[in-house]
Amino acid sequence: MGCQIYVYLFLTLGIVLFVHCVRYEPTWKSLDSRPLPEWYDQSKIGIFIHWGVFSVPSFGSEWFWYYWKGSKIRSYEMFMEENYPPGFTYADFASQFHAEFYNPKKWVDIFKASGARYVVQVTKHHEGFTSWPSNHSFNWNAMAVGPNRDLVGELADAVRSNSDLHYGVYHSLFEWFNPLYNMDKAANYTTNVYEQTKSSPELYELVKRYKPDIVWSDGQMGADSNYWKSKEFLSWLYNDSPVKDRVVVNDRWGSETKCKHGGYYTCRDRYNPGTLQKKKWENCMTLDLHSWGYRRRANIKDIITIENLIATIVETVSCGGNILINVEIYCRGIDDLVL
């Protein structure tokens, strides 16, 4: 809920104070009318953190599981045949996601030194593994298997305790191989069992537990915002959530929403229109030119040059955008932080 305060001065009657509170309805017209909190426009540079089970094989990209078992790309199949025993599953990688060098305070120190003003952590990618002990991801979360730690809570606390950076969460709406999602998909999204039992409960849980300043949604894929109940979530987020006055959101809330609805626009990965835009926008981009996730086989020619990175930052900010620079992290943690 947004409250506007009006002060009227009367020479004979003194001061009269009126408070007008705005409630945002679950319609795009109402939700899009919400002013963007000033801190986001002033921040300019953010850090994007891609880190999950996909950081264990660290081959190809963060889409490893899908390219291996979904698309069945031969190079991914060969990687598994040459390096892992028969019958090894993607879930088996989770126990190797140790994060033994994870020191969130050191991460925050690096982020501060880089000049960034906000951080967005991937809390769940399309693989469905949650980096927090979610009540809606039984045995497929960072507390139950692998690190045995709340990776989200630790970073959120470190950001707030050791800096003036803003903390945000990335959350994928869909999951490649979740049977409930694929059941809804097969029904052409006329059922919403997955949304009701998995994606929406996770979003509310993230906001209530970690109170992020940014909710960066992704993975809307073929379903529209009606299936995802995005408008209902955003109405609650703006009106009644613990972060209602400062939270900002992007535009990936349904198949029809990118570059049309949301607090600011991302439009597509590495979006950089090169001209001033009417709506606030963000260029989310990678240092590794080929992947958002850490790749063991990446070499120097795969990394953006410092000259090109600076030019991209200048062009983005000069055209009114923010830039969200991705860092790729190996499964062990800070030892392999690339920034």
C-alpha atoms as a PDB file:
ATOM      1  CA  MET A   1       0.000   0.000   0.000  1.00  0.00           C
ATOM      2  CA  GLY A   2       1.375   3.434  -0.951  1.00  0.00           C
ATOM      3  CA  CYS A   3       0.431   6.373   1.249  1.00  0.00           C
ATOM      4  CA  GLN A   4       0.626   9.956   0.084  1.00  0.00           C
ATOM      5  CA  ILE A   5       0.705  12.722   2.669  1.00  0.00           C
ATOM      6  CA  TYR A   6      -0.800  16.105   1.919  1.00  0.00           C
ATOM      7  CA  VAL A   7      -0.186  19.111   4.172  1.00  0.00           C
ATOM      8  CA  TYR A   8      -2.394  22.164   3.888  1.00  0.00           C
ATOM      9  CA  LEU A   9      -1.591  25.431   5.634  1.00  0.00           C
ATOM     10  CA  PHE A  10      -4.344  27.785   6.655  1.00  0.00           C
ATOM     11  CA  LEU A  11      -3.530  31.141   8.232  1.00  0.00           C
ATOM     12  CA  THR A  12      -6.457  31.021  10.605  1.00  0.00           C
ATOM     13  CA  LEU A  13      -6.974  27.294  11.056  1.00  0.00           C
ATOM     14  CA  GLY A  14      -3.381  26.108  11.340  1.00  0.00           C
ATOM     15  CA  ILE A  15      -2.146  22.907   9.696  1.00  0.00           C
ATOM     16  CA  VAL A  16      -4.414  20.186   8.345  1.00  0.00           C
ATOM     17  CA  LEU A  17      -2.844  16.819   7.502  1.00  0.00           C
ATOM     18  CA  PHE A  18      -4.439  14.338   5.127  1.00  0.00           C
ATOM     19  CA  VAL A  19      -3.085  10.845   4.458  1.00  0.00           C
ATOM     20  CA  HIS A  20      -4.302   9.143   1.294  1.00  0.00           C
ATOM     21  CA  CYS A  21      -3.398   5.449   0.999  1.00  0.00           C
ATOM     22  CA  VAL A  22      -3.408   3.766  -2.399  1.00  0.00           C
ATOM     23  CA  ARG A  23      -4.195   0.082  -2.729  1.00  0.00           C
ATOM     24  CA  TYR A  24      -3.057  -1.621  -5.895  1.00  0.00           C
ATOM     25  CA  GLU A  25      -5.590  -3.935  -7.492  1.00  0.00           C
ATOM     26  CA  PRO A  26      -4.602  -7.233  -9.161  1.00  0.00           C
ATOM     27  CA  THR A  27      -4.798  -5.718 -12.644  1.00  0.00           C
ATOM     28  CA  TRP A  28      -1.898  -4.648 -14.811  1.00  0.00           C
ATOM     29  CA  LYS A  29      -3.349  -1.152 -15.145  1.00  0.00           C
ATOM     30  CA  SER A  30      -3.306  -0.677 -11.389  1.00  0.00           C
ATOM     31  CA  LEU A  31      -0.014  -2.468 -10.733  1.00  0.00           C
ATOM     32  CA  ASP A  32       1.804  -0.586 -13.491  1.00  0.00           C
ATOM     33  CA  SER A  33       0.697   2.717 -11.973  1.00  0.00           C
ATOM     34  CA  ARG A  34       2.867   2.175  -8.886  1.00  0.00           C
ATOM     35  CA  PRO A  35       5.846   4.562  -8.827  1.00  0.00           C
ATOM     36  CA  LEU A  36       9.247   2.914  -8.932  1.00  0.00           C
ATOM     37  CA  PRO A  37      11.045   3.354  -5.587  1.00  0.00           C
ATOM     38  CA  GLU A  38      13.783   5.958  -6.057  1.00  0.00           C
ATOM     39  CA  TRP A  39      16.605   3.841  -4.664  1.00  0.00           C
ATOM     40  CA  TYR A  40      16.545   1.547  -7.696  1.00  0.00           C
ATOM     41  CA  ASP A  41      16.943   4.284 -10.309  1.00  0.00           C
ATOM     42  CA  GLN A  42      19.758   5.803  -8.278  1.00  0.00           C
ATOM     43  CA  SER A  43      21.658   2.522  -7.858  1.00  0.00           C
ATOM     44  CA  LYS A  44      22.743   2.030 -11.502  1.00  0.00           C
ATOM     45  CA  ILE A  45      24.902  -1.108 -10.996  1.00  0.00           C
ATOM     46  CA  GLY A  46      23.956  -4.464  -9.519  1.00  0.00           C
ATOM     47  CA  ILE A  47      25.548  -7.906  -9.174  1.00  0.00           C
ATOM     48  CA  PHE A  48      23.751 -11.053 -10.356  1.00  0.00           C
ATOM     49  CA  ILE A  49      24.797 -14.345  -8.691  1.00  0.00           C
ATOM     50  CA  HIS A  50      24.236 -17.647 -10.510  1.00  0.00           C
ATOM     51  CA  TRP A  51      25.111 -20.508  -8.159  1.00  0.00           C
ATOM     52  CA  GLY A  52      23.356 -23.846  -7.776  1.00  0.00           C
ATOM     53  CA  VAL A  53      23.604 -27.571  -8.428  1.00  0.00           C
ATOM     54  CA  PHE A  54      24.520 -26.744 -12.039  1.00  0.00           C
ATOM     55  CA  SER A  55      27.777 -25.339 -10.611  1.00  0.00           C
ATOM     56  CA  VAL A  56      28.943 -28.891  -9.812  1.00  0.00           C
ATOM     57  CA  PRO A  57      29.239 -30.294 -13.371  1.00  0.00           C
ATOM     58  CA  SER A  58      30.078 -26.721 -14.472  1.00  0.00           C
ATOM     59  CA  PHE A  59      29.925 -27.818 -18.086  1.00  0.00           C
ATOM     60  CA  GLY A  60      28.261 -25.971 -20.949  1.00  0.00           C
ATOM     61  CA  SER A  61      25.882 -23.723 -19.033  1.00  0.00           C
ATOM     62  CA  GLU A  62      23.446 -23.507 -16.160  1.00  0.00           C
ATOM     63  CA  TRP A  63      20.988 -25.339 -18.449  1.00  0.00           C
ATOM     64  CA  PHE A  64      23.140 -28.479 -18.080  1.00  0.00           C
ATOM     65  CA  TRP A  65      20.356 -30.766 -16.838  1.00  0.00           C
ATOM     66  CA  TYR A  66      17.942 -29.822 -19.623  1.00  0.00           C
ATOM     67  CA  TYR A  67      20.559 -30.026 -22.378  1.00  0.00           C
ATOM     68  CA  TRP A  68      21.610 -33.461 -21.069  1.00  0.00           C
ATOM     69  CA  LYS A  69      18.229 -35.065 -20.422  1.00  0.00           C
ATOM     70  CA  GLY A  70      15.766 -32.782 -22.216  1.00  0.00           C
ATOM     71  CA  SER A  71      17.423 -31.812 -25.505  1.00  0.00           C
ATOM     72  CA  LYS A  72      19.853 -34.766 -25.276  1.00  0.00           C
ATOM     73  CA  ILE A  73      22.679 -32.756 -26.831  1.00  0.00           C
ATOM     74  CA  ARG A  74      25.446 -35.193 -27.655  1.00  0.00           C
ATOM     75  CA  SER A  75      28.315 -33.160 -26.132  1.00  0.00           C
ATOM     76  CA  TYR A  76      26.520 -33.219 -22.764  1.00  0.00           C
ATOM     77  CA  GLU A  77      25.871 -36.939 -23.008  1.00  0.00           C
ATOM     78  CA  MET A  78      29.524 -37.537 -23.823  1.00  0.00           C
ATOM     79  CA  PHE A  79      30.632 -35.436 -20.860  1.00  0.00           C
ATOM     80  CA  MET A  80      28.617 -37.655 -18.551  1.00  0.00           C
ATOM     81  CA  GLU A  81      29.745 -40.890 -20.216  1.00  0.00           C
ATOM     82  CA  GLU A  82      33.413 -39.884 -19.942  1.00  0.00           C
ATOM     83  CA  ASN A  83      33.337 -38.548 -16.373  1.00  0.00           C
ATOM     84  CA  TYR A  84      30.586 -40.304 -14.390  1.00  0.00           C
ATOM     85  CA  PRO A  85      29.490 -43.915 -13.903  1.00  0.00           C
ATOM     86  CA  PRO A  86      26.390 -45.369 -15.579  1.00  0.00           C
ATOM     87  CA  GLY A  87      23.215 -44.570 -13.708  1.00  0.00           C
ATOM     88  CA  PHE A  88      24.548 -41.293 -12.291  1.00  0.00           C
ATOM     89  CA  THR A  89      21.632 -38.841 -12.096  1.00  0.00           C
ATOM     90  CA  TYR A  90      21.457 -35.065 -11.929  1.00  0.00           C
ATOM     91  CA  ALA A  91      20.176 -35.341  -8.355  1.00  0.00           C
ATOM     92  CA  ASP A  92      23.461 -37.052  -7.469  1.00  0.00           C
ATOM     93  CA  PHE A  93      25.291 -33.791  -8.166  1.00  0.00           C
ATOM     94  CA  ALA A  94      23.534 -32.147  -5.211  1.00  0.00           C
ATOM     95  CA  SER A  95      25.532 -34.093  -2.629  1.00  0.00           C
ATOM     96  CA  GLN A  96      28.712 -32.717  -4.255  1.00  0.00           C
ATOM     97  CA  PHE A  97      27.531 -29.113  -3.922  1.00  0.00           C
ATOM     98  CA  HIS A  98      29.552 -28.552  -0.750  1.00  0.00           C
ATOM     99  CA  ALA A  99      30.025 -24.748  -0.774  1.00  0.00           C
ATOM    100  CA  GLU A 100      32.848 -25.284   1.694  1.00  0.00           C
ATOM    101  CA  PHE A 101      34.507 -21.936   0.921  1.00  0.00           C
ATOM    102  CA  TYR A 102      31.284 -19.937   1.000  1.00  0.00           C
ATOM    103  CA  ASN A 103      31.941 -16.791   3.032  1.00  0.00           C
ATOM    104  CA  PRO A 104      29.138 -14.323   2.322  1.00  0.00           C
ATOM    105  CA  LYS A 105      30.889 -11.460   4.135  1.00  0.00           C
ATOM    106  CA  LYS A 106      33.841 -11.753   1.741  1.00  0.00           C
ATOM    107  CA  TRP A 107      31.439 -11.752  -1.164  1.00  0.00           C
ATOM    108  CA  VAL A 108      29.853  -8.562   0.142  1.00  0.00           C
ATOM    109  CA  ASP A 109      33.273  -6.927   0.531  1.00  0.00           C
ATOM    110  CA  ILE A 110      34.043  -7.696  -3.125  1.00  0.00           C
ATOM    111  CA  PHE A 111      30.662  -6.427  -4.281  1.00  0.00           C
ATOM    112  CA  LYS A 112      31.087  -3.171  -2.343  1.00  0.00           C
ATOM    113  CA  ALA A 113      34.564  -2.634  -3.774  1.00  0.00           C
ATOM    114  CA  SER A 114      33.215  -3.135  -7.313  1.00  0.00           C
ATOM    115  CA  GLY A 115      30.953  -0.088  -6.974  1.00  0.00           C
ATOM    116  CA  ALA A 116      27.718  -2.072  -7.160  1.00  0.00           C
ATOM    117  CA  ARG A 117      24.710  -0.847  -5.212  1.00  0.00           C
ATOM    118  CA  TYR A 118      22.529  -3.969  -5.185  1.00  0.00           C
ATOM    119  CA  VAL A 119      22.822  -7.757  -5.333  1.00  0.00           C
ATOM    120  CA  VAL A 120      20.391 -10.293  -6.851  1.00  0.00           C
ATOM    121  CA  GLN A 121      20.918 -13.916  -5.796  1.00  0.00           C
ATOM    122  CA  VAL A 122      19.559 -16.862  -7.783  1.00  0.00           C
ATOM    123  CA  THR A 123      17.580 -18.618  -5.065  1.00  0.00           C
ATOM    124  CA  LYS A 124      16.072 -21.208  -7.434  1.00  0.00           C
ATOM    125  CA  HIS A 125      16.897 -21.800 -11.073  1.00  0.00           C
ATOM    126  CA  HIS A 126      14.937 -23.969 -13.521  1.00  0.00           C
ATOM    127  CA  GLU A 127      16.380 -27.126 -11.933  1.00  0.00           C
ATOM    128  CA  GLY A 128      14.113 -26.504  -8.939  1.00  0.00           C
ATOM    129  CA  PHE A 129      16.808 -26.715  -6.246  1.00  0.00           C
ATOM    130  CA  THR A 130      16.179 -24.015  -3.634  1.00  0.00           C
ATOM    131  CA  SER A 131      19.156 -22.323  -1.977  1.00  0.00           C
ATOM    132  CA  TRP A 132      17.100 -21.834   1.164  1.00  0.00           C
ATOM    133  CA  PRO A 133      15.356 -24.445   3.363  1.00  0.00           C
ATOM    134  CA  SER A 134      12.019 -24.114   1.632  1.00  0.00           C
ATOM    135  CA  ASN A 135       8.980 -25.818   3.086  1.00  0.00           C
ATOM    136  CA  HIS A 136       7.883 -26.436  -0.493  1.00  0.00           C
ATOM    137  CA  SER A 137      10.989 -28.187  -1.842  1.00  0.00           C
ATOM    138  CA  PHE A 138      11.355 -31.314   0.277  1.00  0.00           C
ATOM    139  CA  ASN A 139      14.823 -32.851   0.135  1.00  0.00           C
ATOM    140  CA  TRP A 140      15.779 -30.679  -2.863  1.00  0.00           C
ATOM    141  CA  ASN A 141      17.158 -27.654  -1.026  1.00  0.00           C
ATOM    142  CA  ALA A 142      20.524 -26.471   0.291  1.00  0.00           C
ATOM    143  CA  MET A 143      19.749 -27.297   3.909  1.00  0.00           C
ATOM    144  CA  ALA A 144      18.634 -30.873   3.216  1.00  0.00           C
ATOM    145  CA  VAL A 145      21.394 -31.898   0.811  1.00  0.00           C
ATOM    146  CA  GLY A 146      24.787 -30.558  -0.256  1.00  0.00           C
ATOM    147  CA  PRO A 147      25.864 -27.475   1.714  1.00  0.00           C
ATOM    148  CA  ASN A 148      23.449 -28.137   4.605  1.00  0.00           C
ATOM    149  CA  ARG A 149      23.214 -24.354   4.948  1.00  0.00           C
ATOM    150  CA  ASP A 150      20.754 -21.557   4.257  1.00  0.00           C
ATOM    151  CA  LEU A 151      22.680 -19.932   1.415  1.00  0.00           C
ATOM    152  CA  VAL A 152      20.032 -17.244   0.940  1.00  0.00           C
ATOM    153  CA  GLY A 153      19.668 -16.264   4.566  1.00  0.00           C
ATOM    154  CA  GLU A 154      23.428 -16.055   5.075  1.00  0.00           C
ATOM    155  CA  LEU A 155      23.963 -13.713   2.139  1.00  0.00           C
ATOM    156  CA  ALA A 156      20.926 -11.577   2.985  1.00  0.00           C
ATOM    157  CA  ASP A 157      22.240 -11.141   6.541  1.00  0.00           C
ATOM    158  CA  ALA A 158      25.775 -10.375   5.333  1.00  0.00           C
ATOM    159  CA  VAL A 159      24.550  -7.733   2.892  1.00  0.00           C
ATOM    160  CA  ARG A 160      22.526  -5.948   5.564  1.00  0.00           C
ATOM    161  CA  SER A 161      25.110  -6.282   8.338  1.00  0.00           C
ATOM    162  CA  ASN A 162      28.186  -5.261   6.364  1.00  0.00           C
ATOM    163  CA  SER A 163      27.044  -2.836   3.678  1.00  0.00           C
ATOM    164  CA  ASP A 164      24.396  -0.424   2.469  1.00  0.00           C
ATOM    165  CA  LEU A 165      23.739  -2.569  -0.604  1.00  0.00           C
ATOM    166  CA  HIS A 166      20.210  -3.645  -1.450  1.00  0.00           C
ATOM    167  CA  TYR A 167      19.496  -7.384  -1.451  1.00  0.00           C
ATOM    168  CA  GLY A 168      17.291  -9.083  -4.037  1.00  0.00           C
ATOM    169  CA  VAL A 169      16.162 -12.593  -4.976  1.00  0.00           C
ATOM    170  CA  TYR A 170      15.847 -14.267  -8.362  1.00  0.00           C
ATOM    171  CA  HIS A 171      13.198 -16.994  -8.545  1.00  0.00           C
ATOM    172  CA  SER A 172      12.303 -19.252 -11.451  1.00  0.00           C
ATOM    173  CA  LEU A 173       8.585 -19.813 -11.765  1.00  0.00           C
ATOM    174  CA  PHE A 174       8.805 -23.082 -13.679  1.00  0.00           C
ATOM    175  CA  GLU A 175      10.968 -26.208 -13.238  1.00  0.00           C
ATOM    176  CA  TRP A 176      12.037 -28.319 -16.202  1.00  0.00           C
ATOM    177  CA  PHE A 177      11.246 -31.750 -14.842  1.00  0.00           C
ATOM    178  CA  ASN A 178       8.771 -31.113 -12.054  1.00  0.00           C
ATOM    179  CA  PRO A 179       5.937 -33.616 -12.728  1.00  0.00           C
ATOM    180  CA  LEU A 180       3.298 -31.220 -11.373  1.00  0.00           C
ATOM    181  CA  TYR A 181       4.428 -28.465 -13.730  1.00  0.00           C
ATOM    182  CA  ASN A 182       4.547 -30.830 -16.691  1.00  0.00           C
ATOM    183  CA  MET A 183       1.074 -32.099 -15.798  1.00  0.00           C
ATOM    184  CA  ASP A 184      -0.285 -28.537 -15.906  1.00  0.00           C
ATOM    185  CA  LYS A 185       1.622 -27.889 -19.134  1.00  0.00           C
ATOM    186  CA  ALA A 186       0.130 -31.013 -20.724  1.00  0.00           C
ATOM    187  CA  ALA A 187      -3.321 -29.687 -19.790  1.00  0.00           C
ATOM    188  CA  ASN A 188      -2.477 -26.445 -21.596  1.00  0.00           C
ATOM    189  CA  TYR A 189      -2.340 -24.712 -18.207  1.00  0.00           C
ATOM    190  CA  THR A 190      -6.041 -25.225 -17.574  1.00  0.00           C
ATOM    191  CA  THR A 191      -5.001 -26.770 -14.248  1.00  0.00           C
ATOM    192  CA  ASN A 192      -2.707 -25.003 -11.792  1.00  0.00           C
ATOM    193  CA  VAL A 193      -1.622 -27.641  -9.303  1.00  0.00           C
ATOM    194  CA  TYR A 194       2.058 -26.694  -9.649  1.00  0.00           C
ATOM    195  CA  GLU A 195       1.391 -22.979  -9.214  1.00  0.00           C
ATOM    196  CA  GLN A 196      -0.758 -23.521  -6.126  1.00  0.00           C
ATOM    197  CA  THR A 197       1.538 -26.008  -4.392  1.00  0.00           C
ATOM    198  CA  LYS A 198       5.023 -24.928  -5.511  1.00  0.00           C
ATOM    199  CA  SER A 199       5.765 -21.671  -7.338  1.00  0.00           C
ATOM    200  CA  SER A 200       3.435 -19.250  -5.543  1.00  0.00           C
ATOM    201  CA  PRO A 201       4.071 -20.637  -2.026  1.00  0.00           C
ATOM    202  CA  GLU A 202       7.815 -20.277  -2.637  1.00  0.00           C
ATOM    203  CA  LEU A 203       7.473 -16.629  -3.640  1.00  0.00           C
ATOM    204  CA  TYR A 204       5.444 -15.715  -0.560  1.00  0.00           C
ATOM    205  CA  GLU A 205       7.893 -17.672   1.602  1.00  0.00           C
ATOM    206  CA  LEU A 206      10.906 -15.848   0.145  1.00  0.00           C
ATOM    207  CA  VAL A 207       9.416 -12.420   0.724  1.00  0.00           C
ATOM    208  CA  LYS A 208       8.151 -13.097   4.228  1.00  0.00           C
ATOM    209  CA  ARG A 209      11.347 -14.793   5.379  1.00  0.00           C
ATOM    210  CA  TYR A 210      14.094 -12.723   3.702  1.00  0.00           C
ATOM    211  CA  LYS A 211      12.379  -9.380   2.955  1.00  0.00           C
ATOM    212  CA  PRO A 212      14.156  -8.666  -0.351  1.00  0.00           C
ATOM    213  CA  ASP A 213      14.296  -5.249  -1.983  1.00  0.00           C
ATOM    214  CA  ILE A 214      14.054  -6.871  -5.441  1.00  0.00           C
ATOM    215  CA  VAL A 215      11.982  -9.812  -6.625  1.00  0.00           C
ATOM    216  CA  TRP A 216      13.485 -10.839  -9.970  1.00  0.00           C
ATOM    217  CA  SER A 217      11.117 -13.290 -11.619  1.00  0.00           C
ATOM    218  CA  ASP A 218      12.024 -15.608 -14.500  1.00  0.00           C
ATOM    219  CA  GLY A 219      10.946 -18.874 -16.108  1.00  0.00           C
ATOM    220  CA  GLN A 220       7.442 -17.789 -17.068  1.00  0.00           C
ATOM    221  CA  MET A 221       7.818 -19.742 -20.327  1.00  0.00           C
ATOM    222  CA  GLY A 222       4.569 -20.760 -22.081  1.00  0.00           C
ATOM    223  CA  ALA A 223       2.136 -19.860 -19.312  1.00  0.00           C
ATOM    224  CA  ASP A 224       0.593 -16.415 -18.960  1.00  0.00           C
ATOM    225  CA  SER A 225       0.327 -14.344 -15.795  1.00  0.00           C
ATOM    226  CA  ASN A 226      -3.156 -15.685 -15.099  1.00  0.00           C
ATOM    227  CA  TYR A 227      -1.757 -19.183 -14.634  1.00  0.00           C
ATOM    228  CA  TRP A 228       1.089 -17.935 -12.428  1.00  0.00           C
ATOM    229  CA  LYS A 229      -1.277 -15.748 -10.349  1.00  0.00           C
ATOM    230  CA  SER A 230       1.307 -13.004 -10.795  1.00  0.00           C
ATOM    231  CA  LYS A 231      -1.106 -10.104 -10.468  1.00  0.00           C
ATOM    232  CA  GLU A 232      -2.434 -11.457  -7.190  1.00  0.00           C
ATOM    233  CA  PHE A 233       1.095 -11.886  -5.840  1.00  0.00           C
ATOM    234  CA  LEU A 234       2.171  -8.394  -6.908  1.00  0.00           C
ATOM    235  CA  SER A 235      -0.955  -6.849  -5.412  1.00  0.00           C
ATOM    236  CA  TRP A 236      -0.083  -8.464  -2.085  1.00  0.00           C
ATOM    237  CA  LEU A 237       3.583  -7.486  -2.489  1.00  0.00           C
ATOM    238  CA  TYR A 238       2.720  -3.805  -3.064  1.00  0.00           C
ATOM    239  CA  ASN A 239      -0.082  -3.565  -0.492  1.00  0.00           C
ATOM    240  CA  ASP A 240       0.519  -5.889   2.426  1.00  0.00           C
ATOM    241  CA  SER A 241       3.985  -7.462   2.296  1.00  0.00           C
ATOM    242  CA  PRO A 242       6.767  -6.500   4.729  1.00  0.00           C
ATOM    243  CA  VAL A 243       8.627  -4.791   1.854  1.00  0.00           C
ATOM    244  CA  LYS A 244       5.675  -3.010   0.247  1.00  0.00           C
ATOM    245  CA  ASP A 245       7.215   0.475   0.309  1.00  0.00           C
ATOM    246  CA  ARG A 246      10.672  -0.324  -1.090  1.00  0.00           C
ATOM    247  CA  VAL A 247      10.438  -3.481  -3.208  1.00  0.00           C
ATOM    248  CA  VAL A 248      10.950  -3.397  -6.978  1.00  0.00           C
ATOM    249  CA  VAL A 249      10.162  -6.116  -9.525  1.00  0.00           C
ATOM    250  CA  ASN A 250      11.022  -6.872 -13.124  1.00  0.00           C
ATOM    251  CA  ASP A 251       8.783  -7.809 -16.057  1.00  0.00           C
ATOM    252  CA  ARG A 252       8.947 -11.635 -16.282  1.00  0.00           C
ATOM    253  CA  TRP A 253       5.610 -12.602 -14.754  1.00  0.00           C
ATOM    254  CA  GLY A 254       3.935 -14.391 -17.661  1.00  0.00           C
ATOM    255  CA  SER A 255       4.320 -15.162 -21.332  1.00  0.00           C
ATOM    256  CA  GLU A 256       2.703 -11.826 -22.206  1.00  0.00           C
ATOM    257  CA  THR A 257       4.448  -9.501 -19.730  1.00  0.00           C
ATOM    258  CA  LYS A 258       8.061  -9.007 -20.834  1.00  0.00           C
ATOM    259  CA  CYS A 259       8.691  -5.410 -21.934  1.00  0.00           C
ATOM    260  CA  LYS A 260       5.009  -4.627 -21.151  1.00  0.00           C
ATOM    261  CA  HIS A 261       4.303  -4.955 -17.436  1.00  0.00           C
ATOM    262  CA  GLY A 262       6.267  -4.735 -14.203  1.00  0.00           C
ATOM    263  CA  GLY A 263       8.272  -2.259 -12.161  1.00  0.00           C
ATOM    264  CA  TYR A 264      11.086  -2.100 -14.720  1.00  0.00           C
ATOM    265  CA  TYR A 265      11.769  -3.848 -18.013  1.00  0.00           C
ATOM    266  CA  THR A 266      14.417  -6.453 -18.830  1.00  0.00           C
ATOM    267  CA  CYS A 267      12.781  -7.474 -22.147  1.00  0.00           C
ATOM    268  CA  ARG A 268      15.420 -10.113 -22.921  1.00  0.00           C
ATOM    269  CA  ASP A 269      18.801 -11.185 -21.619  1.00  0.00           C
ATOM    270  CA  ARG A 270      21.512  -8.599 -22.345  1.00  0.00           C
ATOM    271  CA  TYR A 271      18.874  -6.045 -23.344  1.00  0.00           C
ATOM    272  CA  ASN A 272      20.650  -2.833 -24.368  1.00  0.00           C
ATOM    273  CA  PRO A 273      18.523  -0.648 -26.668  1.00  0.00           C
ATOM    274  CA  GLY A 274      21.173   2.061 -27.056  1.00  0.00           C
ATOM    275  CA  THR A 275      18.663   4.905 -26.723  1.00  0.00           C
ATOM    276  CA  LEU A 276      16.688   6.519 -23.937  1.00  0.00           C
ATOM    277  CA  GLN A 277      13.519   4.619 -23.007  1.00  0.00           C
ATOM    278  CA  LYS A 278      10.249   5.873 -21.529  1.00  0.00           C
ATOM    279  CA  LYS A 279      10.240   3.094 -18.911  1.00  0.00           C
ATOM    280  CA  LYS A 280      13.040   2.236 -16.493  1.00  0.00           C
ATOM    281  CA  TRP A 281      14.976  -0.762 -17.790  1.00  0.00           C
ATOM    282  CA  GLU A 282      17.796  -3.109 -16.847  1.00  0.00           C
ATOM    283  CA  ASN A 283      20.556  -4.770 -18.844  1.00  0.00           C
ATOM    284  CA  CYS A 284      21.241  -8.145 -17.206  1.00  0.00           C
ATOM    285  CA  MET A 285      24.455  -9.433 -18.751  1.00  0.00           C
ATOM    286  CA  THR A 286      27.273 -11.918 -18.231  1.00  0.00           C
ATOM    287  CA  LEU A 287      31.043 -11.750 -17.930  1.00  0.00           C
ATOM    288  CA  ASP A 288      31.276 -15.179 -19.593  1.00  0.00           C
ATOM    289  CA  LEU A 289      30.006 -14.551 -23.096  1.00  0.00           C
ATOM    290  CA  HIS A 290      28.491 -18.038 -23.359  1.00  0.00           C
ATOM    291  CA  SER A 291      26.984 -18.893 -19.981  1.00  0.00           C
ATOM    292  CA  TRP A 292      25.358 -17.559 -16.815  1.00  0.00           C
ATOM    293  CA  GLY A 293      26.771 -20.441 -14.790  1.00  0.00           C
ATOM    294  CA  TYR A 294      30.408 -21.243 -13.985  1.00  0.00           C
ATOM    295  CA  ARG A 295      32.209 -23.245 -16.693  1.00  0.00           C
ATOM    296  CA  ARG A 296      35.397 -25.107 -15.888  1.00  0.00           C
ATOM    297  CA  ARG A 297      36.412 -25.058 -19.550  1.00  0.00           C
ATOM    298  CA  ALA A 298      35.972 -21.323 -20.042  1.00  0.00           C
ATOM    299  CA  ASN A 299      39.130 -19.534 -21.159  1.00  0.00           C
ATOM    300  CA  ILE A 300      40.146 -15.906 -21.366  1.00  0.00           C
ATOM    301  CA  LYS A 301      38.714 -15.357 -24.839  1.00  0.00           C
ATOM    302  CA  ASP A 302      35.287 -16.362 -23.491  1.00  0.00           C
ATOM    303  CA  ILE A 303      35.309 -13.514 -20.945  1.00  0.00           C
ATOM    304  CA  ILE A 304      34.268  -9.978 -21.813  1.00  0.00           C
ATOM    305  CA  THR A 305      37.201  -7.585 -21.984  1.00  0.00           C
ATOM    306  CA  ILE A 306      37.458  -4.807 -19.413  1.00  0.00           C
ATOM    307  CA  GLU A 307      37.180  -2.272 -22.245  1.00  0.00           C
ATOM    308  CA  ASN A 308      33.923  -3.780 -23.500  1.00  0.00           C
ATOM    309  CA  LEU A 309      32.553  -4.106 -19.973  1.00  0.00           C
ATOM    310  CA  ILE A 310      33.198  -0.438 -19.210  1.00  0.00           C
ATOM    311  CA  ALA A 311      31.697   0.592 -22.544  1.00  0.00           C
ATOM    312  CA  THR A 312      28.578  -1.488 -21.819  1.00  0.00           C
ATOM    313  CA  ILE A 313      28.189   0.047 -18.365  1.00  0.00           C
ATOM    314  CA  VAL A 314      28.547   3.589 -19.746  1.00  0.00           C
ATOM    315  CA  GLU A 315      26.137   2.996 -22.627  1.00  0.00           C
ATOM    316  CA  THR A 316      23.535   1.367 -20.370  1.00  0.00           C
ATOM    317  CA  VAL A 317      23.589   4.003 -17.641  1.00  0.00           C
ATOM    318  CA  SER A 318      23.728   6.916 -20.107  1.00  0.00           C
ATOM    319  CA  CYS A 319      20.517   5.616 -21.710  1.00  0.00           C
ATOM    320  CA  GLY A 320      18.715   5.502 -18.366  1.00  0.00           C
ATOM    321  CA  GLY A 321      19.170   1.806 -17.620  1.00  0.00           C
ATOM    322  CA  ASN A 322      20.609  -0.126 -14.733  1.00  0.00           C
ATOM    323  CA  ILE A 323      23.137  -2.862 -15.401  1.00  0.00           C
ATOM    324  CA  LEU A 324      23.033  -6.211 -13.597  1.00  0.00           C
ATOM    325  CA  ILE A 325      26.425  -7.877 -14.020  1.00  0.00           C
ATOM    326  CA  ASN A 326      26.433 -11.634 -13.571  1.00  0.00           C
ATOM    327  CA  VAL A 327      29.154 -13.499 -11.684  1.00  0.00           C
ATOM    328  CA  GLU A 328      29.734 -17.218 -12.135  1.00  0.00           C
ATOM    329  CA  ILE A 329      30.658 -19.241  -9.065  1.00  0.00           C
ATOM    330  CA  TYR A 330      31.944 -22.802  -8.780  1.00  0.00           C
ATOM    331  CA  CYS A 331      30.289 -25.157  -6.328  1.00  0.00           C
ATOM    332  CA  ARG A 332      32.929 -24.592  -3.635  1.00  0.00           C
ATOM    333  CA  GLY A 333      32.182 -20.896  -3.170  1.00  0.00           C
ATOM    334  CA  ILE A 334      34.430 -17.853  -2.816  1.00  0.00           C
ATOM    335  CA  ASP A 335      37.590 -19.655  -3.971  1.00  0.00           C
ATOM    336  CA  ASP A 336      36.398 -19.484  -7.551  1.00  0.00           C
ATOM    337  CA  LEU A 337      34.415 -16.251  -7.516  1.00  0.00           C
ATOM    338  CA  VAL A 338      34.814 -14.561 -10.904  1.00  0.00           C
ATOM    339  CA  LEU A 339      34.302 -10.800 -10.940  1.00  0.00           C
END
